[in-house]
Amino acid sequence: MKNLLTNHQLGKALHDQRKTKGIKQSTIARNLKVSLSYISKVENGKIPIYAFLLFQYCKAIDMPVQDIFNAIADALWFFNAD
């Protein structure tokens, strides 16, 4: 169950940052040379993202990978604070 939460939080963090930067899923998919469906499934937490694609994704949205992990940590802290 913990992996699903992590996948969900990672996907949400990627989605939120992509949307904040005004970048379309299709642009990310093209840059990473993966399907639009793959990006959608990752952002919805349905499947994990490979580490090398995570680095490429972060590069495509001009965001350090550490910032994504910080966003996940913040979300998990908030989730577990209840």
PDB file of N, CA and C in Angstrom:
ATOM      1  N   MET A   1       0.833  -1.204   0.000  1.00  0.00           N
ATOM      2  CA  MET A   1       0.000   0.000   0.000  1.00  0.00           C
ATOM      3  C   MET A   1       0.867   1.254   0.000  1.00  0.00           C
ATOM      4  N   LYS A   2       1.994   1.214   0.702  1.00  0.00           N
ATOM      5  CA  LYS A   2       2.861   2.373   0.768  1.00  0.00           C
ATOM      6  C   LYS A   2       3.388   2.767  -0.608  1.00  0.00           C
ATOM      7  N   ASN A   3       3.703   1.783  -1.481  1.00  0.00           N
ATOM      8  CA  ASN A   3       4.168   2.091  -2.828  1.00  0.00           C
ATOM      9  C   ASN A   3       3.107   2.824  -3.628  1.00  0.00           C
ATOM     10  N   LEU A   4       1.841   2.431  -3.450  1.00  0.00           N
ATOM     11  CA  LEU A   4       0.769   3.112  -4.165  1.00  0.00           C
ATOM     12  C   LEU A   4       0.676   4.564  -3.731  1.00  0.00           C
ATOM     13  N   LEU A   5       0.819   4.812  -2.453  1.00  0.00           N
ATOM     14  CA  LEU A   5       0.791   6.180  -1.955  1.00  0.00           C
ATOM     15  C   LEU A   5       1.955   6.960  -2.529  1.00  0.00           C
ATOM     16  N   THR A   6       3.134   6.371  -2.554  1.00  0.00           N
ATOM     17  CA  THR A   6       4.298   7.053  -3.101  1.00  0.00           C
ATOM     18  C   THR A   6       4.106   7.326  -4.592  1.00  0.00           C
ATOM     19  N   ASN A   7       3.620   6.338  -5.344  1.00  0.00           N
ATOM     20  CA  ASN A   7       3.354   6.554  -6.763  1.00  0.00           C
ATOM     21  C   ASN A   7       2.345   7.671  -6.957  1.00  0.00           C
ATOM     22  N   HIS A   8       1.311   7.658  -6.122  1.00  0.00           N
ATOM     23  CA  HIS A   8       0.285   8.697  -6.216  1.00  0.00           C
ATOM     24  C   HIS A   8       0.874  10.072  -5.904  1.00  0.00           C
ATOM     25  N   GLN A   9       1.642  10.157  -4.835  1.00  0.00           N
ATOM     26  CA  GLN A   9       2.217  11.451  -4.448  1.00  0.00           C
ATOM     27  C   GLN A   9       3.223  11.944  -5.490  1.00  0.00           C
ATOM     28  N   LEU A  10       4.041  11.035  -5.998  1.00  0.00           N
ATOM     29  CA  LEU A  10       5.009  11.421  -7.032  1.00  0.00           C
ATOM     30  C   LEU A  10       4.275  11.892  -8.287  1.00  0.00           C
ATOM     31  N   GLY A  11       3.276  11.135  -8.699  1.00  0.00           N
ATOM     32  CA  GLY A  11       2.508  11.525  -9.883  1.00  0.00           C
ATOM     33  C   GLY A  11       1.840  12.870  -9.717  1.00  0.00           C
ATOM     34  N   LYS A  12       1.256  13.087  -8.537  1.00  0.00           N
ATOM     35  CA  LYS A  12       0.598  14.373  -8.269  1.00  0.00           C
ATOM     36  C   LYS A  12       1.603  15.518  -8.277  1.00  0.00           C
ATOM     37  N   ALA A  13       2.765  15.294  -7.679  1.00  0.00           N
ATOM     38  CA  ALA A  13       3.796  16.336  -7.663  1.00  0.00           C
ATOM     39  C   ALA A  13       4.246  16.669  -9.086  1.00  0.00           C
ATOM     40  N   LEU A  14       4.450  15.645  -9.910  1.00  0.00           N
ATOM     41  CA  LEU A  14       4.851  15.877 -11.301  1.00  0.00           C
ATOM     42  C   LEU A  14       3.749  16.625 -12.057  1.00  0.00           C
ATOM     43  N   HIS A  15       2.530  16.171 -11.877  1.00  0.00           N
ATOM     44  CA  HIS A  15       1.387  16.814 -12.541  1.00  0.00           C
ATOM     45  C   HIS A  15       1.278  18.281 -12.142  1.00  0.00           C
ATOM     46  N   ASP A  16       1.316  18.535 -10.833  1.00  0.00           N
ATOM     47  CA  ASP A  16       1.159  19.907 -10.341  1.00  0.00           C
ATOM     48  C   ASP A  16       2.260  20.823 -10.874  1.00  0.00           C
ATOM     49  N   GLN A  17       3.499  20.335 -10.860  1.00  0.00           N
ATOM     50  CA  GLN A  17       4.606  21.164 -11.340  1.00  0.00           C
ATOM     51  C   GLN A  17       4.518  21.394 -12.851  1.00  0.00           C
ATOM     52  N   ARG A  18       4.116  20.361 -13.591  1.00  0.00           N
ATOM     53  CA  ARG A  18       3.958  20.506 -15.040  1.00  0.00           C
ATOM     54  C   ARG A  18       2.895  21.544 -15.349  1.00  0.00           C
ATOM     55  N   LYS A  19       1.755  21.460 -14.648  1.00  0.00           N
ATOM     56  CA  LYS A  19       0.659  22.404 -14.876  1.00  0.00           C
ATOM     57  C   LYS A  19       1.069  23.829 -14.496  1.00  0.00           C
ATOM     58  N   THR A  20       1.814  23.955 -13.392  1.00  0.00           N
ATOM     59  CA  THR A  20       2.283  25.270 -12.953  1.00  0.00           C
ATOM     60  C   THR A  20       3.144  25.927 -14.029  1.00  0.00           C
ATOM     61  N   LYS A  21       3.931  25.116 -14.712  1.00  0.00           N
ATOM     62  CA  LYS A  21       4.827  25.633 -15.756  1.00  0.00           C
ATOM     63  C   LYS A  21       4.120  25.783 -17.103  1.00  0.00           C
ATOM     64  N   GLY A  22       2.857  25.347 -17.184  1.00  0.00           N
ATOM     65  CA  GLY A  22       2.094  25.488 -18.420  1.00  0.00           C
ATOM     66  C   GLY A  22       2.550  24.556 -19.536  1.00  0.00           C
ATOM     67  N   ILE A  23       3.057  23.388 -19.158  1.00  0.00           N
ATOM     68  CA  ILE A  23       3.557  22.426 -20.139  1.00  0.00           C
ATOM     69  C   ILE A  23       2.528  21.319 -20.316  1.00  0.00           C
ATOM     70  N   LYS A  24       2.267  20.935 -21.555  1.00  0.00           N
ATOM     71  CA  LYS A  24       1.285  19.890 -21.851  1.00  0.00           C
ATOM     72  C   LYS A  24       1.897  18.500 -21.680  1.00  0.00           C
ATOM     73  N   GLN A  25       1.035  17.549 -21.348  1.00  0.00           N
ATOM     74  CA  GLN A  25       1.476  16.156 -21.243  1.00  0.00           C
ATOM     75  C   GLN A  25       2.097  15.688 -22.554  1.00  0.00           C
ATOM     76  N   SER A  26       1.537  16.110 -23.658  1.00  0.00           N
ATOM     77  CA  SER A  26       2.054  15.682 -24.967  1.00  0.00           C
ATOM     78  C   SER A  26       3.489  16.161 -25.183  1.00  0.00           C
ATOM     79  N   THR A  27       3.821  17.318 -24.669  1.00  0.00           N
ATOM     80  CA  THR A  27       5.191  17.832 -24.775  1.00  0.00           C
ATOM     81  C   THR A  27       6.136  16.972 -23.956  1.00  0.00           C
ATOM     82  N   ILE A  28       5.714  16.622 -22.742  1.00  0.00           N
ATOM     83  CA  ILE A  28       6.535  15.755 -21.889  1.00  0.00           C
ATOM     84  C   ILE A  28       6.723  14.401 -22.562  1.00  0.00           C
ATOM     85  N   ALA A  29       5.641  13.827 -23.062  1.00  0.00           N
ATOM     86  CA  ALA A  29       5.707  12.511 -23.716  1.00  0.00           C
ATOM     87  C   ALA A  29       6.684  12.549 -24.893  1.00  0.00           C
ATOM     88  N   ARG A  30       6.613  13.587 -25.688  1.00  0.00           N
ATOM     89  CA  ARG A  30       7.515  13.724 -26.833  1.00  0.00           C
ATOM     90  C   ARG A  30       8.961  13.849 -26.377  1.00  0.00           C
ATOM     91  N   ASN A  31       9.216  14.668 -25.368  1.00  0.00           N
ATOM     92  CA  ASN A  31      10.584  14.858 -24.856  1.00  0.00           C
ATOM     93  C   ASN A  31      11.162  13.574 -24.275  1.00  0.00           C
ATOM     94  N   LEU A  32      10.316  12.779 -23.615  1.00  0.00           N
ATOM     95  CA  LEU A  32      10.779  11.546 -22.984  1.00  0.00           C
ATOM     96  C   LEU A  32      10.716  10.345 -23.926  1.00  0.00           C
ATOM     97  N   LYS A  33      10.126  10.567 -25.109  1.00  0.00           N
ATOM     98  CA  LYS A  33       9.958   9.494 -26.105  1.00  0.00           C
ATOM     99  C   LYS A  33       9.143   8.324 -25.538  1.00  0.00           C
ATOM    100  N   VAL A  34       8.040   8.696 -24.872  1.00  0.00           N
ATOM    101  CA  VAL A  34       7.092   7.717 -24.344  1.00  0.00           C
ATOM    102  C   VAL A  34       5.698   8.123 -24.805  1.00  0.00           C
ATOM    103  N   SER A  35       4.733   7.259 -24.560  1.00  0.00           N
ATOM    104  CA  SER A  35       3.363   7.561 -24.984  1.00  0.00           C
ATOM    105  C   SER A  35       2.704   8.562 -24.029  1.00  0.00           C
ATOM    106  N   LEU A  36       1.725   9.247 -24.554  1.00  0.00           N
ATOM    107  CA  LEU A  36       0.922  10.154 -23.741  1.00  0.00           C
ATOM    108  C   LEU A  36       0.210   9.364 -22.642  1.00  0.00           C
ATOM    109  N   SER A  37      -0.202   8.158 -22.965  1.00  0.00           N
ATOM    110  CA  SER A  37      -0.851   7.280 -21.997  1.00  0.00           C
ATOM    111  C   SER A  37       0.073   6.986 -20.813  1.00  0.00           C
ATOM    112  N   TYR A  38       1.345   6.758 -21.090  1.00  0.00           N
ATOM    113  CA  TYR A  38       2.316   6.489 -20.027  1.00  0.00           C
ATOM    114  C   TYR A  38       2.405   7.688 -19.080  1.00  0.00           C
ATOM    115  N   ILE A  39       2.523   8.878 -19.631  1.00  0.00           N
ATOM    116  CA  ILE A  39       2.613  10.094 -18.800  1.00  0.00           C
ATOM    117  C   ILE A  39       1.343  10.237 -17.961  1.00  0.00           C
ATOM    118  N   SER A  40       0.199  10.018 -18.566  1.00  0.00           N
ATOM    119  CA  SER A  40      -1.062  10.116 -17.838  1.00  0.00           C
ATOM    120  C   SER A  40      -1.112   9.119 -16.681  1.00  0.00           C
ATOM    121  N   LYS A  41      -0.711   7.885 -16.944  1.00  0.00           N
ATOM    122  CA  LYS A  41      -0.733   6.865 -15.891  1.00  0.00           C
ATOM    123  C   LYS A  41       0.240   7.189 -14.765  1.00  0.00           C
ATOM    124  N   VAL A  42       1.409   7.713 -15.097  1.00  0.00           N
ATOM    125  CA  VAL A  42       2.385   8.117 -14.072  1.00  0.00           C
ATOM    126  C   VAL A  42       1.803   9.244 -13.232  1.00  0.00           C
ATOM    127  N   GLU A  43       1.262  10.273 -13.889  1.00  0.00           N
ATOM    128  CA  GLU A  43       0.732  11.423 -13.163  1.00  0.00           C
ATOM    129  C   GLU A  43      -0.476  11.068 -12.300  1.00  0.00           C
ATOM    130  N   ASN A  44      -1.189  10.014 -12.681  1.00  0.00           N
ATOM    131  CA  ASN A  44      -2.339   9.575 -11.891  1.00  0.00           C
ATOM    132  C   ASN A  44      -1.975   8.513 -10.863  1.00  0.00           C
ATOM    133  N   GLY A  45      -0.682   8.196 -10.753  1.00  0.00           N
ATOM    134  CA  GLY A  45      -0.210   7.263  -9.742  1.00  0.00           C
ATOM    135  C   GLY A  45      -0.548   5.814 -10.026  1.00  0.00           C
ATOM    136  N   LYS A  46      -0.932   5.516 -11.250  1.00  0.00           N
ATOM    137  CA  LYS A  46      -1.318   4.146 -11.599  1.00  0.00           C
ATOM    138  C   LYS A  46      -0.117   3.244 -11.863  1.00  0.00           C
ATOM    139  N   ILE A  47       0.976   3.828 -12.307  1.00  0.00           N
ATOM    140  CA  ILE A  47       2.206   3.073 -12.556  1.00  0.00           C
ATOM    141  C   ILE A  47       3.395   3.886 -12.056  1.00  0.00           C
ATOM    142  N   PRO A  48       4.473   3.217 -11.692  1.00  0.00           N
ATOM    143  CA  PRO A  48       5.675   3.948 -11.265  1.00  0.00           C
ATOM    144  C   PRO A  48       6.417   4.504 -12.482  1.00  0.00           C
ATOM    145  N   ILE A  49       7.245   5.469 -12.236  1.00  0.00           N
ATOM    146  CA  ILE A  49       8.083   6.022 -13.292  1.00  0.00           C
ATOM    147  C   ILE A  49       9.502   5.501 -13.078  1.00  0.00           C
ATOM    148  N   TYR A  50      10.151   5.120 -14.160  1.00  0.00           N
ATOM    149  CA  TYR A  50      11.547   4.678 -14.069  1.00  0.00           C
ATOM    150  C   TYR A  50      12.416   5.865 -13.661  1.00  0.00           C
ATOM    151  N   ALA A  51      13.462   5.593 -12.894  1.00  0.00           N
ATOM    152  CA  ALA A  51      14.324   6.663 -12.368  1.00  0.00           C
ATOM    153  C   ALA A  51      14.882   7.544 -13.480  1.00  0.00           C
ATOM    154  N   PHE A  52      15.379   6.927 -14.562  1.00  0.00           N
ATOM    155  CA  PHE A  52      15.970   7.744 -15.617  1.00  0.00           C
ATOM    156  C   PHE A  52      14.919   8.620 -16.301  1.00  0.00           C
ATOM    157  N   LEU A  53      13.657   8.151 -16.358  1.00  0.00           N
ATOM    158  CA  LEU A  53      12.598   8.982 -16.926  1.00  0.00           C
ATOM    159  C   LEU A  53      12.198  10.096 -15.964  1.00  0.00           C
ATOM    160  N   LEU A  54      12.280   9.821 -14.669  1.00  0.00           N
ATOM    161  CA  LEU A  54      11.994  10.864 -13.684  1.00  0.00           C
ATOM    162  C   LEU A  54      12.980  12.019 -13.848  1.00  0.00           C
ATOM    163  N   PHE A  55      14.251  11.692 -14.020  1.00  0.00           N
ATOM    164  CA  PHE A  55      15.253  12.745 -14.222  1.00  0.00           C
ATOM    165  C   PHE A  55      14.974  13.515 -15.506  1.00  0.00           C
ATOM    166  N   GLN A  56      14.606  12.809 -16.564  1.00  0.00           N
ATOM    167  CA  GLN A  56      14.291  13.479 -17.831  1.00  0.00           C
ATOM    168  C   GLN A  56      13.030  14.334 -17.706  1.00  0.00           C
ATOM    169  N   TYR A  57      12.046  13.819 -16.994  1.00  0.00           N
ATOM    170  CA  TYR A  57      10.797  14.559 -16.779  1.00  0.00           C
ATOM    171  C   TYR A  57      11.111  15.874 -16.051  1.00  0.00           C
ATOM    172  N   CYS A  58      11.887  15.774 -14.979  1.00  0.00           N
ATOM    173  CA  CYS A  58      12.237  16.970 -14.209  1.00  0.00           C
ATOM    174  C   CYS A  58      13.018  17.968 -15.074  1.00  0.00           C
ATOM    175  N   LYS A  59      13.898  17.454 -15.897  1.00  0.00           N
ATOM    176  CA  LYS A  59      14.645  18.335 -16.808  1.00  0.00           C
ATOM    177  C   LYS A  59      13.698  19.024 -17.790  1.00  0.00           C
ATOM    178  N   ALA A  60      12.704  18.281 -18.280  1.00  0.00           N
ATOM    179  CA  ALA A  60      11.746  18.836 -19.238  1.00  0.00           C
ATOM    180  C   ALA A  60      10.901  19.961 -18.637  1.00  0.00           C
ATOM    181  N   ILE A  61      10.657  19.901 -17.327  1.00  0.00           N
ATOM    182  CA  ILE A  61       9.885  20.966 -16.671  1.00  0.00           C
ATOM    183  C   ILE A  61      10.797  21.944 -15.937  1.00  0.00           C
ATOM    184  N   ASP A  62      12.097  21.798 -16.156  1.00  0.00           N
ATOM    185  CA  ASP A  62      13.101  22.703 -15.569  1.00  0.00           C
ATOM    186  C   ASP A  62      12.961  22.776 -14.046  1.00  0.00           C
ATOM    187  N   MET A  63      13.018  21.585 -13.440  1.00  0.00           N
ATOM    188  CA  MET A  63      12.899  21.497 -11.991  1.00  0.00           C
ATOM    189  C   MET A  63      13.881  20.464 -11.461  1.00  0.00           C
ATOM    190  N   PRO A  64      14.645  20.821 -10.442  1.00  0.00           N
ATOM    191  CA  PRO A  64      15.546  19.834  -9.840  1.00  0.00           C
ATOM    192  C   PRO A  64      14.764  18.653  -9.260  1.00  0.00           C
ATOM    193  N   VAL A  65      15.285  17.465  -9.428  1.00  0.00           N
ATOM    194  CA  VAL A  65      14.625  16.261  -8.904  1.00  0.00           C
ATOM    195  C   VAL A  65      14.394  16.400  -7.401  1.00  0.00           C
ATOM    196  N   GLN A  66      15.327  17.008  -6.709  1.00  0.00           N
ATOM    197  CA  GLN A  66      15.200  17.177  -5.259  1.00  0.00           C
ATOM    198  C   GLN A  66      13.918  17.928  -4.897  1.00  0.00           C
ATOM    199  N   ASP A  67      13.509  18.889  -5.731  1.00  0.00           N
ATOM    200  CA  ASP A  67      12.282  19.630  -5.453  1.00  0.00           C
ATOM    201  C   ASP A  67      11.051  18.729  -5.511  1.00  0.00           C
ATOM    202  N   ILE A  68      11.067  17.753  -6.416  1.00  0.00           N
ATOM    203  CA  ILE A  68       9.954  16.803  -6.497  1.00  0.00           C
ATOM    204  C   ILE A  68       9.909  15.965  -5.218  1.00  0.00           C
ATOM    205  N   PHE A  69      11.078  15.483  -4.782  1.00  0.00           N
ATOM    206  CA  PHE A  69      11.114  14.685  -3.562  1.00  0.00           C
ATOM    207  C   PHE A  69      10.711  15.513  -2.344  1.00  0.00           C
ATOM    208  N   ASN A  70      11.078  16.776  -2.316  1.00  0.00           N
ATOM    209  CA  ASN A  70      10.653  17.654  -1.223  1.00  0.00           C
ATOM    210  C   ASN A  70       9.137  17.813  -1.218  1.00  0.00           C
ATOM    211  N   ALA A  71       8.536  17.950  -2.407  1.00  0.00           N
ATOM    212  CA  ALA A  71       7.079  18.079  -2.500  1.00  0.00           C
ATOM    213  C   ALA A  71       6.391  16.819  -1.989  1.00  0.00           C
ATOM    214  N   ILE A  72       6.959  15.658  -2.318  1.00  0.00           N
ATOM    215  CA  ILE A  72       6.392  14.397  -1.844  1.00  0.00           C
ATOM    216  C   ILE A  72       6.516  14.305  -0.329  1.00  0.00           C
ATOM    217  N   ALA A  73       7.678  14.648   0.196  1.00  0.00           N
ATOM    218  CA  ALA A  73       7.896  14.595   1.650  1.00  0.00           C
ATOM    219  C   ALA A  73       6.915  15.508   2.367  1.00  0.00           C
ATOM    220  N   ASP A  74       6.708  16.701   1.829  1.00  0.00           N
ATOM    221  CA  ASP A  74       5.754  17.629   2.430  1.00  0.00           C
ATOM    222  C   ASP A  74       4.340  17.052   2.404  1.00  0.00           C
ATOM    223  N   ALA A  75       3.972  16.457   1.276  1.00  0.00           N
ATOM    224  CA  ALA A  75       2.633  15.876   1.153  1.00  0.00           C
ATOM    225  C   ALA A  75       2.459  14.697   2.102  1.00  0.00           C
ATOM    226  N   LEU A  76       3.475  13.855   2.217  1.00  0.00           N
ATOM    227  CA  LEU A  76       3.391  12.705   3.123  1.00  0.00           C
ATOM    228  C   LEU A  76       3.337  13.156   4.574  1.00  0.00           C
ATOM    229  N   TRP A  77       4.088  14.185   4.919  1.00  0.00           N
ATOM    230  CA  TRP A  77       4.043  14.710   6.282  1.00  0.00           C
ATOM    231  C   TRP A  77       2.647  15.216   6.591  1.00  0.00           C
ATOM    232  N   PHE A  78       2.070  15.978   5.657  1.00  0.00           N
ATOM    233  CA  PHE A  78       0.727  16.506   5.860  1.00  0.00           C
ATOM    234  C   PHE A  78      -0.279  15.368   5.980  1.00  0.00           C
ATOM    235  N   PHE A  79      -0.142  14.351   5.117  1.00  0.00           N
ATOM    236  CA  PHE A  79      -1.053  13.208   5.106  1.00  0.00           C
ATOM    237  C   PHE A  79      -0.968  12.451   6.425  1.00  0.00           C
ATOM    238  N   ASN A  80       0.244  12.269   6.945  1.00  0.00           N
ATOM    239  CA  ASN A  80       0.437  11.501   8.178  1.00  0.00           C
ATOM    240  C   ASN A  80       0.231  12.320   9.450  1.00  0.00           C
ATOM    241  N   ALA A  81       0.091  13.629   9.314  1.00  0.00           N
ATOM    242  CA  ALA A  81      -0.082  14.485  10.493  1.00  0.00           C
ATOM    243  C   ALA A  81      -1.471  14.334  11.113  1.00  0.00           C
ATOM    244  N   ASP A  82      -2.420  13.823  10.338  1.00  0.00           N
ATOM    245  CA  ASP A  82      -3.792  13.678  10.851  1.00  0.00           C
ATOM    246  C   ASP A  82      -3.926  12.580  11.843  1.00  0.00           C
TER     247      ASP A  82
END
